[in-house]
Every structure is written in C-alpha cells, then in structure tokens.
Amino acid sequence: MKKPLRSLVLSPEDTVAVLLEKGSKGDIVTAGDQPIVLLEDIEFAHKVLIKDSAKNAPVIKYGVEIGYMLAETPKGSWIHGHNMGCDRGKKRREQLK
C-alpha cells in the first residue's frame, strides 16, 4: 500500500489543504485525521478540497477566507482559479484607478 501524501492544514475551519508533495489521481492525502482521495493530479503546494462544498461556499485556508467556490465541488478536487473566485485586492485596485 502506498504511503499517504503529506498536506498542511492549520485550522479546523479549513476547507482546503495544501499538498506538501505532488499528487496523482487516486492518491490518498491525510488532512487532519481524515483520508481524502485525489480526484485529479495536483501539483506540489496547490490546494485540495477536504470538504464537499456548495456553490458560493467560502474557501478557507490557514483559518482565513481566501475566496469562494464557483460551483458545487466534491472533496478531493484541485482548487485554483478555474473553480474558485476571489475578490481579494479588487477594491484596492479600484481605488488606485
């Protein structure tokens, strides 16, 4: 049996874990005490969803909301700009115009 991949979760509220090594579809990631099966290949230092999420649900990393889900998404999915929205910095950029 293959050893589970390492990941980083800092808060019990986190909805994502950060992979500490490259993962392949079908690999198991340990996030706290729960095993998560990767649904796709995920690169080192990228986020994997550790809780099923609804559309517009907050994405929480290191205890901080960093964005929101653009669609209903199952745990084990790669989380990035294709399925996560983020308004961070938009207000500041608008102020600078």
PDB file of N, CA and C in Angstrom:
ATOM      1  N   MET A   1       0.846  -1.189   0.000  1.00  0.00           N
ATOM      2  CA  MET A   1       0.000   0.000   0.000  1.00  0.00           C
ATOM      3  C   MET A   1       0.884   1.242   0.000  1.00  0.00           C
ATOM      4  N   LYS A   2       0.517   2.192  -0.828  1.00  0.00           N
ATOM      5  CA  LYS A   2       1.270   3.431  -0.965  1.00  0.00           C
ATOM      6  C   LYS A   2       1.055   4.322   0.256  1.00  0.00           C
ATOM      7  N   LYS A   3       2.119   4.972   0.690  1.00  0.00           N
ATOM      8  CA  LYS A   3       2.072   5.880   1.836  1.00  0.00           C
ATOM      9  C   LYS A   3       1.229   7.113   1.497  1.00  0.00           C
ATOM     10  N   PRO A   4       0.348   7.578   2.415  1.00  0.00           N
ATOM     11  CA  PRO A   4      -0.448   8.780   2.137  1.00  0.00           C
ATOM     12  C   PRO A   4       0.444  10.005   1.924  1.00  0.00           C
ATOM     13  N   LEU A   5      -0.033  10.907   1.068  1.00  0.00           N
ATOM     14  CA  LEU A   5       0.678  12.149   0.809  1.00  0.00           C
ATOM     15  C   LEU A   5       0.556  13.083   2.001  1.00  0.00           C
ATOM     16  N   ARG A   6       1.560  13.909   2.189  1.00  0.00           N
ATOM     17  CA  ARG A   6       1.527  14.892   3.269  1.00  0.00           C
ATOM     18  C   ARG A   6       0.847  16.168   2.790  1.00  0.00           C
ATOM     19  N   SER A   7       0.134  16.813   3.724  1.00  0.00           N
ATOM     20  CA  SER A   7      -0.519  18.080   3.409  1.00  0.00           C
ATOM     21  C   SER A   7      -0.509  18.957   4.650  1.00  0.00           C
ATOM     22  N   LEU A   8      -0.818  20.222   4.441  1.00  0.00           N
ATOM     23  CA  LEU A   8      -0.804  21.186   5.531  1.00  0.00           C
ATOM     24  C   LEU A   8      -2.199  21.761   5.737  1.00  0.00           C
ATOM     25  N   VAL A   9      -2.713  21.604   6.956  1.00  0.00           N
ATOM     26  CA  VAL A   9      -3.978  22.188   7.392  1.00  0.00           C
ATOM     27  C   VAL A   9      -3.682  22.842   8.731  1.00  0.00           C
ATOM     28  N   LEU A  10      -3.933  24.147   8.853  1.00  0.00           N
ATOM     29  CA  LEU A  10      -3.594  24.854  10.087  1.00  0.00           C
ATOM     30  C   LEU A  10      -4.775  25.127  11.005  1.00  0.00           C
ATOM     31  N   SER A  11      -5.989  25.051  10.485  1.00  0.00           N
ATOM     32  CA  SER A  11      -7.154  25.400  11.288  1.00  0.00           C
ATOM     33  C   SER A  11      -8.252  24.357  11.096  1.00  0.00           C
ATOM     34  N   PRO A  12      -9.008  24.072  12.141  1.00  0.00           N
ATOM     35  CA  PRO A  12     -10.129  23.132  11.981  1.00  0.00           C
ATOM     36  C   PRO A  12     -11.210  23.660  11.037  1.00  0.00           C
ATOM     37  N   GLU A  13     -11.218  24.964  10.781  1.00  0.00           N
ATOM     38  CA  GLU A  13     -12.196  25.564   9.863  1.00  0.00           C
ATOM     39  C   GLU A  13     -11.771  25.447   8.403  1.00  0.00           C
ATOM     40  N   ASP A  14     -10.517  25.069   8.145  1.00  0.00           N
ATOM     41  CA  ASP A  14     -10.020  24.996   6.768  1.00  0.00           C
ATOM     42  C   ASP A  14     -10.881  24.067   5.917  1.00  0.00           C
ATOM     43  N   THR A  15     -11.142  24.506   4.680  1.00  0.00           N
ATOM     44  CA  THR A  15     -11.856  23.670   3.714  1.00  0.00           C
ATOM     45  C   THR A  15     -10.908  23.124   2.658  1.00  0.00           C
ATOM     46  N   VAL A  16      -9.653  23.598   2.682  1.00  0.00           N
ATOM     47  CA  VAL A  16      -8.629  23.100   1.768  1.00  0.00           C
ATOM     48  C   VAL A  16      -7.366  22.742   2.548  1.00  0.00           C
ATOM     49  N   ALA A  17      -6.604  21.838   1.967  1.00  0.00           N
ATOM     50  CA  ALA A  17      -5.271  21.503   2.474  1.00  0.00           C
ATOM     51  C   ALA A  17      -4.283  21.844   1.370  1.00  0.00           C
ATOM     52  N   VAL A  18      -3.070  22.171   1.751  1.00  0.00           N
ATOM     53  CA  VAL A  18      -2.007  22.451   0.780  1.00  0.00           C
ATOM     54  C   VAL A  18      -1.132  21.206   0.692  1.00  0.00           C
ATOM     55  N   LEU A  19      -0.958  20.702  -0.529  1.00  0.00           N
ATOM     56  CA  LEU A  19      -0.142  19.499  -0.706  1.00  0.00           C
ATOM     57  C   LEU A  19       1.332  19.811  -0.491  1.00  0.00           C
ATOM     58  N   LEU A  20       2.003  18.969   0.256  1.00  0.00           N
ATOM     59  CA  LEU A  20       3.428  19.128   0.513  1.00  0.00           C
ATOM     60  C   LEU A  20       4.271  18.253  -0.410  1.00  0.00           C
ATOM     61  N   GLU A  21       3.616  17.628  -1.365  1.00  0.00           N
ATOM     62  CA  GLU A  21       4.270  16.860  -2.414  1.00  0.00           C
ATOM     63  C   GLU A  21       3.282  16.705  -3.566  1.00  0.00           C
ATOM     64  N   LYS A  22       3.791  16.423  -4.745  1.00  0.00           N
ATOM     65  CA  LYS A  22       2.933  16.260  -5.916  1.00  0.00           C
ATOM     66  C   LYS A  22       2.028  15.050  -5.735  1.00  0.00           C
ATOM     67  N   GLY A  23       0.754  15.199  -6.125  1.00  0.00           N
ATOM     68  CA  GLY A  23      -0.194  14.098  -6.009  1.00  0.00           C
ATOM     69  C   GLY A  23      -0.773  13.702  -7.349  1.00  0.00           C
ATOM     70  N   SER A  24      -1.120  12.429  -7.471  1.00  0.00           N
ATOM     71  CA  SER A  24      -1.733  11.898  -8.681  1.00  0.00           C
ATOM     72  C   SER A  24      -3.151  11.438  -8.374  1.00  0.00           C
ATOM     73  N   LYS A  25      -4.007  11.460  -9.393  1.00  0.00           N
ATOM     74  CA  LYS A  25      -5.374  10.997  -9.244  1.00  0.00           C
ATOM     75  C   LYS A  25      -5.369   9.625  -8.566  1.00  0.00           C
ATOM     76  N   GLY A  26      -6.206   9.481  -7.526  1.00  0.00           N
ATOM     77  CA  GLY A  26      -6.289   8.221  -6.802  1.00  0.00           C
ATOM     78  C   GLY A  26      -5.416   8.156  -5.565  1.00  0.00           C
ATOM     79  N   ASP A  27      -4.424   9.048  -5.460  1.00  0.00           N
ATOM     80  CA  ASP A  27      -3.586   9.084  -4.251  1.00  0.00           C
ATOM     81  C   ASP A  27      -4.438   9.475  -3.041  1.00  0.00           C
ATOM     82  N   ILE A  28      -3.990   9.053  -1.875  1.00  0.00           N
ATOM     83  CA  ILE A  28      -4.637   9.405  -0.613  1.00  0.00           C
ATOM     84  C   ILE A  28      -3.833  10.511   0.051  1.00  0.00           C
ATOM     85  N   VAL A  29      -4.544  11.524   0.536  1.00  0.00           N
ATOM     86  CA  VAL A  29      -3.941  12.637   1.271  1.00  0.00           C
ATOM     87  C   VAL A  29      -4.489  12.587   2.687  1.00  0.00           C
ATOM     88  N   THR A  30      -3.631  12.797   3.656  1.00  0.00           N
ATOM     89  CA  THR A  30      -4.115  12.907   5.028  1.00  0.00           C
ATOM     90  C   THR A  30      -4.303  14.388   5.343  1.00  0.00           C
ATOM     91  N   ALA A  31      -5.500  14.733   5.761  1.00  0.00           N
ATOM     92  CA  ALA A  31      -5.833  16.104   6.139  1.00  0.00           C
ATOM     93  C   ALA A  31      -6.448  16.021   7.531  1.00  0.00           C
ATOM     94  N   GLY A  32      -5.619  16.305   8.534  1.00  0.00           N
ATOM     95  CA  GLY A  32      -6.062  16.047   9.898  1.00  0.00           C
ATOM     96  C   GLY A  32      -6.125  14.547  10.085  1.00  0.00           C
ATOM     97  N   ASP A  33      -7.274  14.041  10.483  1.00  0.00           N
ATOM     98  CA  ASP A  33      -7.417  12.595  10.689  1.00  0.00           C
ATOM     99  C   ASP A  33      -8.253  11.926   9.600  1.00  0.00           C
ATOM    100  N   GLN A  34      -8.617  12.691   8.551  1.00  0.00           N
ATOM    101  CA  GLN A  34      -9.456  12.103   7.516  1.00  0.00           C
ATOM    102  C   GLN A  34      -8.677  11.846   6.220  1.00  0.00           C
ATOM    103  N   PRO A  35      -8.849  10.662   5.644  1.00  0.00           N
ATOM    104  CA  PRO A  35      -8.205  10.398   4.353  1.00  0.00           C
ATOM    105  C   PRO A  35      -9.040  11.000   3.223  1.00  0.00           C
ATOM    106  N   ILE A  36      -8.367  11.619   2.266  1.00  0.00           N
ATOM    107  CA  ILE A  36      -9.024  12.225   1.105  1.00  0.00           C
ATOM    108  C   ILE A  36      -8.421  11.584  -0.139  1.00  0.00           C
ATOM    109  N   VAL A  37      -9.255  11.131  -1.059  1.00  0.00           N
ATOM    110  CA  VAL A  37      -8.789  10.562  -2.325  1.00  0.00           C
ATOM    111  C   VAL A  37      -8.746  11.683  -3.356  1.00  0.00           C
ATOM    112  N   LEU A  38      -7.589  11.874  -3.984  1.00  0.00           N
ATOM    113  CA  LEU A  38      -7.465  12.903  -5.017  1.00  0.00           C
ATOM    114  C   LEU A  38      -8.264  12.496  -6.247  1.00  0.00           C
ATOM    115  N   LEU A  39      -9.066  13.420  -6.742  1.00  0.00           N
ATOM    116  CA  LEU A  39      -9.894  13.155  -7.918  1.00  0.00           C
ATOM    117  C   LEU A  39      -9.186  13.522  -9.219  1.00  0.00           C
ATOM    118  N   GLU A  40      -8.014  14.158  -9.097  1.00  0.00           N
ATOM    119  CA  GLU A  40      -7.227  14.550 -10.268  1.00  0.00           C
ATOM    120  C   GLU A  40      -5.786  14.762  -9.825  1.00  0.00           C
ATOM    121  N   ASP A  41      -4.889  14.910 -10.773  1.00  0.00           N
ATOM    122  CA  ASP A  41      -3.496  15.211 -10.452  1.00  0.00           C
ATOM    123  C   ASP A  41      -3.425  16.625  -9.867  1.00  0.00           C
ATOM    124  N   ILE A  42      -2.618  16.796  -8.818  1.00  0.00           N
ATOM    125  CA  ILE A  42      -2.467  18.098  -8.172  1.00  0.00           C
ATOM    126  C   ILE A  42      -0.990  18.320  -7.901  1.00  0.00           C
ATOM    127  N   GLU A  43      -0.498  19.478  -8.301  1.00  0.00           N
ATOM    128  CA  GLU A  43       0.912  19.822  -8.136  1.00  0.00           C
ATOM    129  C   GLU A  43       1.259  20.139  -6.683  1.00  0.00           C
ATOM    130  N   PHE A  44       2.533  20.025  -6.359  1.00  0.00           N
ATOM    131  CA  PHE A  44       3.078  20.426  -5.063  1.00  0.00           C
ATOM    132  C   PHE A  44       2.652  21.861  -4.746  1.00  0.00           C
ATOM    133  N   ALA A  45       2.277  22.112  -3.505  1.00  0.00           N
ATOM    134  CA  ALA A  45       1.910  23.432  -2.969  1.00  0.00           C
ATOM    135  C   ALA A  45       0.568  23.952  -3.478  1.00  0.00           C
ATOM    136  N   HIS A  46      -0.190  23.119  -4.191  1.00  0.00           N
ATOM    137  CA  HIS A  46      -1.528  23.524  -4.614  1.00  0.00           C
ATOM    138  C   HIS A  46      -2.559  23.020  -3.606  1.00  0.00           C
ATOM    139  N   LYS A  47      -3.769  23.564  -3.714  1.00  0.00           N
ATOM    140  CA  LYS A  47      -4.827  23.266  -2.752  1.00  0.00           C
ATOM    141  C   LYS A  47      -5.688  22.099  -3.207  1.00  0.00           C
ATOM    142  N   VAL A  48      -6.106  21.278  -2.226  1.00  0.00           N
ATOM    143  CA  VAL A  48      -7.077  20.214  -2.462  1.00  0.00           C
ATOM    144  C   VAL A  48      -8.243  20.449  -1.499  1.00  0.00           C
ATOM    145  N   LEU A  49      -9.450  20.305  -2.011  1.00  0.00           N
ATOM    146  CA  LEU A  49     -10.646  20.486  -1.198  1.00  0.00           C
ATOM    147  C   LEU A  49     -10.799  19.304  -0.246  1.00  0.00           C
ATOM    148  N   ILE A  50     -10.978  19.573   1.043  1.00  0.00           N
ATOM    149  CA  ILE A  50     -11.076  18.488   2.027  1.00  0.00           C
ATOM    150  C   ILE A  50     -12.488  18.326   2.577  1.00  0.00           C
ATOM    151  N   LYS A  51     -13.421  19.152   2.108  1.00  0.00           N
ATOM    152  CA  LYS A  51     -14.836  19.046   2.481  1.00  0.00           C
ATOM    153  C   LYS A  51     -15.650  19.340   1.230  1.00  0.00           C
ATOM    154  N   ASP A  52     -16.701  18.558   0.987  1.00  0.00           N
ATOM    155  CA  ASP A  52     -17.583  18.882  -0.131  1.00  0.00           C
ATOM    156  C   ASP A  52     -18.059  20.317   0.034  1.00  0.00           C
ATOM    157  N   SER A  53     -18.130  21.064  -1.071  1.00  0.00           N
ATOM    158  CA  SER A  53     -18.501  22.475  -0.996  1.00  0.00           C
ATOM    159  C   SER A  53     -19.586  22.819  -2.003  1.00  0.00           C
ATOM    160  N   ALA A  54     -20.501  23.675  -1.579  1.00  0.00           N
ATOM    161  CA  ALA A  54     -21.569  24.169  -2.435  1.00  0.00           C
ATOM    162  C   ALA A  54     -21.092  25.405  -3.199  1.00  0.00           C
ATOM    163  N   LYS A  55     -21.815  25.747  -4.240  1.00  0.00           N
ATOM    164  CA  LYS A  55     -21.532  26.983  -4.975  1.00  0.00           C
ATOM    165  C   LYS A  55     -21.620  28.160  -4.007  1.00  0.00           C
ATOM    166  N   ASN A  56     -20.674  29.079  -4.102  1.00  0.00           N
ATOM    167  CA  ASN A  56     -20.561  30.278  -3.259  1.00  0.00           C
ATOM    168  C   ASN A  56     -20.102  30.003  -1.825  1.00  0.00           C
ATOM    169  N   ALA A  57     -19.808  28.754  -1.489  1.00  0.00           N
ATOM    170  CA  ALA A  57     -19.289  28.442  -0.152  1.00  0.00           C
ATOM    171  C   ALA A  57     -17.894  29.034  -0.002  1.00  0.00           C
ATOM    172  N   PRO A  58     -17.534  29.505   1.194  1.00  0.00           N
ATOM    173  CA  PRO A  58     -16.193  30.074   1.371  1.00  0.00           C
ATOM    174  C   PRO A  58     -15.098  29.019   1.255  1.00  0.00           C
ATOM    175  N   VAL A  59     -13.972  29.445   0.707  1.00  0.00           N
ATOM    176  CA  VAL A  59     -12.758  28.617   0.676  1.00  0.00           C
ATOM    177  C   VAL A  59     -11.878  29.152   1.800  1.00  0.00           C
ATOM    178  N   ILE A  60     -11.556  28.287   2.755  1.00  0.00           N
ATOM    179  CA  ILE A  60     -10.787  28.707   3.925  1.00  0.00           C
ATOM    180  C   ILE A  60      -9.465  27.967   3.961  1.00  0.00           C
ATOM    181  N   LYS A  61      -8.374  28.752   3.998  1.00  0.00           N
ATOM    182  CA  LYS A  61      -7.008  28.211   4.059  1.00  0.00           C
ATOM    183  C   LYS A  61      -6.284  28.900   5.204  1.00  0.00           C
ATOM    184  N   TYR A  62      -5.657  28.119   6.061  1.00  0.00           N
ATOM    185  CA  TYR A  62      -4.935  28.638   7.231  1.00  0.00           C
ATOM    186  C   TYR A  62      -5.862  29.467   8.131  1.00  0.00           C
ATOM    187  N   GLY A  63      -7.149  29.117   8.155  1.00  0.00           N
ATOM    188  CA  GLY A  63      -8.109  29.808   9.009  1.00  0.00           C
ATOM    189  C   GLY A  63      -8.626  31.117   8.452  1.00  0.00           C
ATOM    190  N   VAL A  64      -8.270  31.439   7.207  1.00  0.00           N
ATOM    191  CA  VAL A  64      -8.650  32.715   6.589  1.00  0.00           C
ATOM    192  C   VAL A  64      -9.435  32.435   5.310  1.00  0.00           C
ATOM    193  N   GLU A  65     -10.535  33.155   5.126  1.00  0.00           N
ATOM    194  CA  GLU A  65     -11.297  33.015   3.883  1.00  0.00           C
ATOM    195  C   GLU A  65     -10.510  33.650   2.745  1.00  0.00           C
ATOM    196  N   ILE A  66     -10.210  32.845   1.724  1.00  0.00           N
ATOM    197  CA  ILE A  66      -9.408  33.335   0.601  1.00  0.00           C
ATOM    198  C   ILE A  66     -10.212  33.435  -0.696  1.00  0.00           C
ATOM    199  N   GLY A  67     -11.444  32.976  -0.668  1.00  0.00           N
ATOM    200  CA  GLY A  67     -12.264  33.018  -1.869  1.00  0.00           C
ATOM    201  C   GLY A  67     -13.559  32.270  -1.656  1.00  0.00           C
ATOM    202  N   TYR A  68     -14.198  31.913  -2.780  1.00  0.00           N
ATOM    203  CA  TYR A  68     -15.481  31.219  -2.734  1.00  0.00           C
ATOM    204  C   TYR A  68     -15.565  30.261  -3.923  1.00  0.00           C
ATOM    205  N   MET A  69     -16.348  29.214  -3.762  1.00  0.00           N
ATOM    206  CA  MET A  69     -16.478  28.204  -4.803  1.00  0.00           C
ATOM    207  C   MET A  69     -17.379  28.720  -5.921  1.00  0.00           C
ATOM    208  N   LEU A  70     -16.978  28.498  -7.162  1.00  0.00           N
ATOM    209  CA  LEU A  70     -17.772  28.922  -8.312  1.00  0.00           C
ATOM    210  C   LEU A  70     -18.842  27.902  -8.683  1.00  0.00           C
ATOM    211  N   ALA A  71     -18.717  26.687  -8.174  1.00  0.00           N
ATOM    212  CA  ALA A  71     -19.675  25.616  -8.452  1.00  0.00           C
ATOM    213  C   ALA A  71     -19.630  24.607  -7.311  1.00  0.00           C
ATOM    214  N   GLU A  72     -20.641  23.776  -7.227  1.00  0.00           N
ATOM    215  CA  GLU A  72     -20.621  22.675  -6.258  1.00  0.00           C
ATOM    216  C   GLU A  72     -19.438  21.783  -6.615  1.00  0.00           C
ATOM    217  N   THR A  73     -18.625  21.436  -5.610  1.00  0.00           N
ATOM    218  CA  THR A  73     -17.371  20.730  -5.869  1.00  0.00           C
ATOM    219  C   THR A  73     -17.136  19.671  -4.796  1.00  0.00           C
ATOM    220  N   PRO A  74     -16.776  18.445  -5.185  1.00  0.00           N
ATOM    221  CA  PRO A  74     -16.533  17.389  -4.200  1.00  0.00           C
ATOM    222  C   PRO A  74     -15.130  17.463  -3.591  1.00  0.00           C
ATOM    223  N   LYS A  75     -15.014  16.946  -2.363  1.00  0.00           N
ATOM    224  CA  LYS A  75     -13.688  16.872  -1.736  1.00  0.00           C
ATOM    225  C   LYS A  75     -12.787  16.011  -2.600  1.00  0.00           C
ATOM    226  N   GLY A  76     -11.486  16.327  -2.552  1.00  0.00           N
ATOM    227  CA  GLY A  76     -10.515  15.630  -3.387  1.00  0.00           C
ATOM    228  C   GLY A  76     -10.205  16.372  -4.674  1.00  0.00           C
ATOM    229  N   SER A  77     -10.938  17.465  -4.927  1.00  0.00           N
ATOM    230  CA  SER A  77     -10.733  18.264  -6.143  1.00  0.00           C
ATOM    231  C   SER A  77      -9.607  19.268  -5.962  1.00  0.00           C
ATOM    232  N   TRP A  78      -8.919  19.557  -7.054  1.00  0.00           N
ATOM    233  CA  TRP A  78      -7.903  20.612  -7.096  1.00  0.00           C
ATOM    234  C   TRP A  78      -8.632  21.946  -7.046  1.00  0.00           C
ATOM    235  N   ILE A  79      -8.191  22.854  -6.191  1.00  0.00           N
ATOM    236  CA  ILE A  79      -8.805  24.176  -6.064  1.00  0.00           C
ATOM    237  C   ILE A  79      -7.831  25.222  -6.569  1.00  0.00           C
ATOM    238  N   HIS A  80      -8.296  25.978  -7.559  1.00  0.00           N
ATOM    239  CA  HIS A  80      -7.471  27.019  -8.186  1.00  0.00           C
ATOM    240  C   HIS A  80      -8.420  27.987  -8.882  1.00  0.00           C
ATOM    241  N   GLY A  81      -7.911  28.857  -9.717  1.00  0.00           N
ATOM    242  CA  GLY A  81      -8.715  29.890 -10.365  1.00  0.00           C
ATOM    243  C   GLY A  81      -9.831  29.386 -11.259  1.00  0.00           C
ATOM    244  N   HIS A  82      -9.772  28.136 -11.696  1.00  0.00           N
ATOM    245  CA  HIS A  82     -10.816  27.592 -12.570  1.00  0.00           C
ATOM    246  C   HIS A  82     -12.097  27.251 -11.827  1.00  0.00           C
ATOM    247  N   ASN A  83     -12.022  27.061 -10.498  1.00  0.00           N
ATOM    248  CA  ASN A  83     -13.226  26.709  -9.734  1.00  0.00           C
ATOM    249  C   ASN A  83     -13.377  27.510  -8.441  1.00  0.00           C
ATOM    250  N   MET A  84     -12.512  28.490  -8.229  1.00  0.00           N
ATOM    251  CA  MET A  84     -12.577  29.343  -7.046  1.00  0.00           C
ATOM    252  C   MET A  84     -12.539  30.808  -7.466  1.00  0.00           C
ATOM    253  N   GLY A  85     -13.504  31.578  -6.977  1.00  0.00           N
ATOM    254  CA  GLY A  85     -13.495  33.013  -7.215  1.00  0.00           C
ATOM    255  C   GLY A  85     -12.797  33.712  -6.058  1.00  0.00           C
ATOM    256  N   CYS A  86     -12.296  34.900  -6.323  1.00  0.00           N
ATOM    257  CA  CYS A  86     -11.603  35.647  -5.280  1.00  0.00           C
ATOM    258  C   CYS A  86     -11.740  37.137  -5.557  1.00  0.00           C
ATOM    259  N   ASP A  87     -12.188  37.878  -4.566  1.00  0.00           N
ATOM    260  CA  ASP A  87     -12.330  39.327  -4.698  1.00  0.00           C
ATOM    261  C   ASP A  87     -11.221  40.069  -3.967  1.00  0.00           C
ATOM    262  N   ARG A  88     -10.268  39.349  -3.380  1.00  0.00           N
ATOM    263  CA  ARG A  88      -9.177  39.989  -2.647  1.00  0.00           C
ATOM    264  C   ARG A  88      -8.389  40.904  -3.563  1.00  0.00           C
ATOM    265  N   GLY A  89      -8.178  42.105  -3.119  1.00  0.00           N
ATOM    266  CA  GLY A  89      -7.390  43.057  -3.877  1.00  0.00           C
ATOM    267  C   GLY A  89      -8.176  43.863  -4.893  1.00  0.00           C
ATOM    268  N   LYS A  90      -9.389  43.451  -5.250  1.00  0.00           N
ATOM    269  CA  LYS A  90     -10.167  44.161  -6.257  1.00  0.00           C
ATOM    270  C   LYS A  90     -10.519  45.573  -5.789  1.00  0.00           C
ATOM    271  N   LYS A  91     -10.930  45.723  -4.532  1.00  0.00           N
ATOM    272  CA  LYS A  91     -11.277  47.045  -4.027  1.00  0.00           C
ATOM    273  C   LYS A  91     -10.058  47.963  -4.064  1.00  0.00           C
ATOM    274  N   ARG A  92      -8.902  47.456  -3.679  1.00  0.00           N
ATOM    275  CA  ARG A  92      -7.674  48.258  -3.661  1.00  0.00           C
ATOM    276  C   ARG A  92      -7.307  48.680  -5.086  1.00  0.00           C
ATOM    277  N   ARG A  93      -7.407  47.774  -6.046  1.00  0.00           N
ATOM    278  CA  ARG A  93      -7.096  48.117  -7.436  1.00  0.00           C
ATOM    279  C   ARG A  93      -8.050  49.186  -7.955  1.00  0.00           C
ATOM    280  N   GLU A  94      -9.329  49.095  -7.569  1.00  0.00           N
ATOM    281  CA  GLU A  94     -10.306  50.100  -7.986  1.00  0.00           C
ATOM    282  C   GLU A  94      -9.982  51.452  -7.385  1.00  0.00           C
ATOM    283  N   GLN A  95      -9.491  51.476  -6.147  1.00  0.00           N
ATOM    284  CA  GLN A  95      -9.131  52.736  -5.501  1.00  0.00           C
ATOM    285  C   GLN A  95      -7.946  53.394  -6.192  1.00  0.00           C
ATOM    286  N   LEU A  96      -7.058  52.614  -6.774  1.00  0.00           N
ATOM    287  CA  LEU A  96      -5.865  53.144  -7.413  1.00  0.00           C
ATOM    288  C   LEU A  96      -6.132  53.701  -8.818  1.00  0.00           C
ATOM    289  N   LYS A  97      -7.294  53.415  -9.356  1.00  0.00           N
ATOM    290  CA  LYS A  97      -7.625  53.905 -10.713  1.00  0.00           C
ATOM    291  C   LYS A  97      -7.866  55.394 -10.718  1.00  0.00           C
TER     292      LYS A  97
END
